[in-house]
Structures are given as structure tokens and as C-alpha cells.
C-alpha atoms as a PDB file:
ATOM      1  CA  MET A   1    -129.429 137.020  40.946  1.00  0.00           C
ATOM      2  CA  ALA A   2    -131.047 140.111  39.447  1.00  0.00           C
ATOM      3  CA  SER A   3    -128.418 142.319  41.089  1.00  0.00           C
ATOM      4  CA  THR A   4    -125.671 140.117  39.607  1.00  0.00           C
ATOM      5  CA  VAL A   5    -127.131 140.523  36.127  1.00  0.00           C
ATOM      6  CA  LYS A   6    -127.379 144.294  36.567  1.00  0.00           C
ATOM      7  CA  THR A   7    -123.802 144.458  37.840  1.00  0.00           C
ATOM      8  CA  ILE A   8    -122.503 142.529  34.837  1.00  0.00           C
ATOM      9  CA  LEU A   9    -124.521 144.547  32.327  1.00  0.00           C
ATOM     10  CA  ARG A  10    -123.456 147.849  33.903  1.00  0.00           C
ATOM     11  CA  SER A  11    -119.847 146.713  33.690  1.00  0.00           C
ATOM     12  CA  LEU A  12    -120.272 146.247  29.928  1.00  0.00           C
ATOM     13  CA  GLN A  13    -121.773 149.699  29.392  1.00  0.00           C
ATOM     14  CA  GLY A  14    -119.495 151.933  27.390  1.00  0.00           C
ATOM     15  CA  SER A  15    -116.814 149.479  26.349  1.00  0.00           C
ATOM     16  CA  PRO A  16    -116.373 145.863  25.233  1.00  0.00           C
ATOM     17  CA  LYS A  17    -114.958 143.541  27.860  1.00  0.00           C
ATOM     18  CA  ALA A  18    -113.803 139.984  28.292  1.00  0.00           C
ATOM     19  CA  PRO A  19    -115.304 137.958  31.145  1.00  0.00           C
ATOM     20  CA  GLY A  20    -111.998 138.283  33.022  1.00  0.00           C
ATOM     21  CA  ASP A  21    -112.278 142.075  32.851  1.00  0.00           C
ATOM     22  CA  VAL A  22    -115.749 141.897  34.393  1.00  0.00           C
ATOM     23  CA  VAL A  23    -114.481 139.562  37.124  1.00  0.00           C
ATOM     24  CA  ALA A  24    -111.658 141.996  37.966  1.00  0.00           C
ATOM     25  CA  GLU A  25    -113.948 145.025  37.916  1.00  0.00           C
ATOM     26  CA  THR A  26    -116.901 143.567  39.846  1.00  0.00           C
ATOM     27  CA  ARG A  27    -115.090 141.002  42.035  1.00  0.00           C
ATOM     28  CA  LEU A  28    -117.832 138.490  41.240  1.00  0.00           C
ATOM     29  CA  PRO A  29    -116.770 134.835  41.144  1.00  0.00           C
ATOM     30  CA  ARG A  30    -115.413 133.785  37.743  1.00  0.00           C
ATOM     31  CA  TYR A  31    -117.770 130.797  37.443  1.00  0.00           C
ATOM     32  CA  LEU A  32    -120.763 133.079  38.035  1.00  0.00           C
ATOM     33  CA  VAL A  33    -119.658 135.621  35.433  1.00  0.00           C
ATOM     34  CA  LEU A  34    -118.983 132.934  32.822  1.00  0.00           C
ATOM     35  CA  ALA A  35    -122.355 131.247  33.400  1.00  0.00           C
ATOM     36  CA  SER A  36    -124.114 134.621  33.322  1.00  0.00           C
ATOM     37  CA  PHE A  37    -122.404 135.574  30.059  1.00  0.00           C
ATOM     38  CA  ARG A  38    -123.708 132.420  28.397  1.00  0.00           C
ATOM     39  CA  CYS A  39    -127.267 133.130  29.559  1.00  0.00           C
ATOM     40  CA  LEU A  40    -127.121 136.838  28.740  1.00  0.00           C
ATOM     41  CA  GLU A  41    -125.878 136.089  25.235  1.00  0.00           C
ATOM     42  CA  GLU A  42    -128.697 133.578  24.668  1.00  0.00           C
ATOM     43  CA  LEU A  43    -131.200 136.200  25.867  1.00  0.00           C
ATOM     44  CA  GLY A  44    -129.757 138.786  23.483  1.00  0.00           C
ATOM     45  CA  PHE A  45    -128.554 141.187  26.196  1.00  0.00           C
ATOM     46  CA  ILE A  46    -124.912 140.875  25.130  1.00  0.00           C
ATOM     47  CA  LYS A  47    -123.138 139.679  21.994  1.00  0.00           C
ATOM     48  CA  THR A  48    -119.666 138.548  21.046  1.00  0.00           C
ATOM     49  CA  LEU A  49    -117.740 141.362  19.410  1.00  0.00           C
ATOM     50  CA  TYR A  50    -114.457 139.491  18.931  1.00  0.00           C
ATOM     51  CA  SER A  51    -113.435 135.879  19.335  1.00  0.00           C
ATOM     52  CA  LYS A  52    -110.083 134.168  18.934  1.00  0.00           C
ATOM     53  CA  GLY A  53    -109.604 130.776  20.516  1.00  0.00           C
ATOM     54  CA  SER A  54    -111.004 130.928  24.020  1.00  0.00           C
ATOM     55  CA  TYR A  55    -110.641 134.728  24.224  1.00  0.00           C
ATOM     56  CA  LYS A  56    -113.845 136.672  23.613  1.00  0.00           C
ATOM     57  CA  LEU A  57    -114.859 140.291  23.911  1.00  0.00           C
ATOM     58  CA  TYR A  58    -118.493 141.033  24.619  1.00  0.00           C
ATOM     59  CA  VAL A  59    -120.549 144.156  24.148  1.00  0.00           C
ATOM     60  CA  LEU A  60    -123.900 145.224  25.519  1.00  0.00           C
ATOM     61  CA  THR A  61    -126.710 145.068  22.949  1.00  0.00           C
ATOM     62  CA  GLU A  62    -129.555 147.500  22.519  1.00  0.00           C
ATOM     63  CA  ARG A  63    -131.792 145.001  24.312  1.00  0.00           C
ATOM     64  CA  GLY A  64    -129.356 144.946  27.239  1.00  0.00           C
ATOM     65  CA  GLU A  65    -129.316 148.745  27.363  1.00  0.00           C
ATOM     66  CA  GLN A  66    -133.129 148.823  27.344  1.00  0.00           C
ATOM     67  CA  PHE A  67    -133.246 146.312  30.196  1.00  0.00           C
ATOM     68  CA  LEU A  68    -130.988 148.493  32.315  1.00  0.00           C
ATOM     69  CA  GLU A  69    -132.987 151.638  31.516  1.00  0.00           C
ATOM     70  CA  GLU A  70    -136.368 150.038  32.224  1.00  0.00           C
ATOM     71  CA  ASP A  71    -135.150 148.363  35.373  1.00  0.00           C
ATOM     72  CA  GLU A  72    -133.772 151.554  36.911  1.00  0.00           C
ATOM     73  CA  ILE A  73    -135.601 153.359  39.693  1.00  0.00           C
ATOM     74  CA  PRO A  74    -137.127 156.566  38.268  1.00  0.00           C
ATOM     75  CA  SER A  75    -134.979 159.588  39.024  1.00  0.00           C
ATOM     76  CA  THR A  76    -138.069 161.543  40.138  1.00  0.00           C
ATOM     77  CA  LEU A  77    -138.325 159.480  43.337  1.00  0.00           C
ATOM     78  CA  PRO A  78    -136.757 160.903  46.478  1.00  0.00           C
ATOM     79  CA  GLN A  79    -133.389 159.295  47.265  1.00  0.00           C
ATOM     80  CA  GLU A  80    -134.703 157.623  50.435  1.00  0.00           C
ATOM     81  CA  VAL A  81    -137.524 155.898  48.518  1.00  0.00           C
ATOM     82  CA  GLY A  82    -135.117 154.693  45.844  1.00  0.00           C
ATOM     83  CA  GLU A  83    -132.834 153.142  48.462  1.00  0.00           C
ATOM     84  CA  VAL A  84    -135.735 151.285  50.110  1.00  0.00           C
ATOM     85  CA  ALA A  85    -137.022 150.009  46.759  1.00  0.00           C
ATOM     86  CA  ALA A  86    -133.609 148.668  45.770  1.00  0.00           C
END
């Protein structure tokens, strides 16, 4: 599940996206992306930027950015160690 969260958050880095955009980009199941969006918004990792009817655009929050930065493997580790740790 942690890798799913990271994948979704990384997809939102740099530009706002609708859940459908994330599904298309990551090829994760739609139900999983939608459920994750609800949880991530409640946790404050993403927020709604635009909403009209059932269409919503989400953006990564500062808290979401910090989570990705803190959760990354330090770049000072050799590549082989980073691959084993992941």
C-alpha cells in the first residue's frame, strides 16, 4: 500500500490532476485511486484545487511533498543499497 501512495503522490507532483488522470498515468485500478484520494485528502497530503459537479482537480500539499522527501532513500547511498532497501 505504501508504494501505491507514493505512486499517486508522485503523479501529482508538478501539476494538478483529476483521479482519472492519475489512473491513466499510473495504470492503478480506478477504485484504488479514488479510495486513496479520499484518504490522502483527509490526511492533508492532497487538496481539492477545483471542483465542479463530480469533476475535481487535486494538488499535492506541502505536507504531501514533505512525506515524499522524507520517505525517499538518501541519495548518498550506493545504487545497489537503495534498490535492496526499496
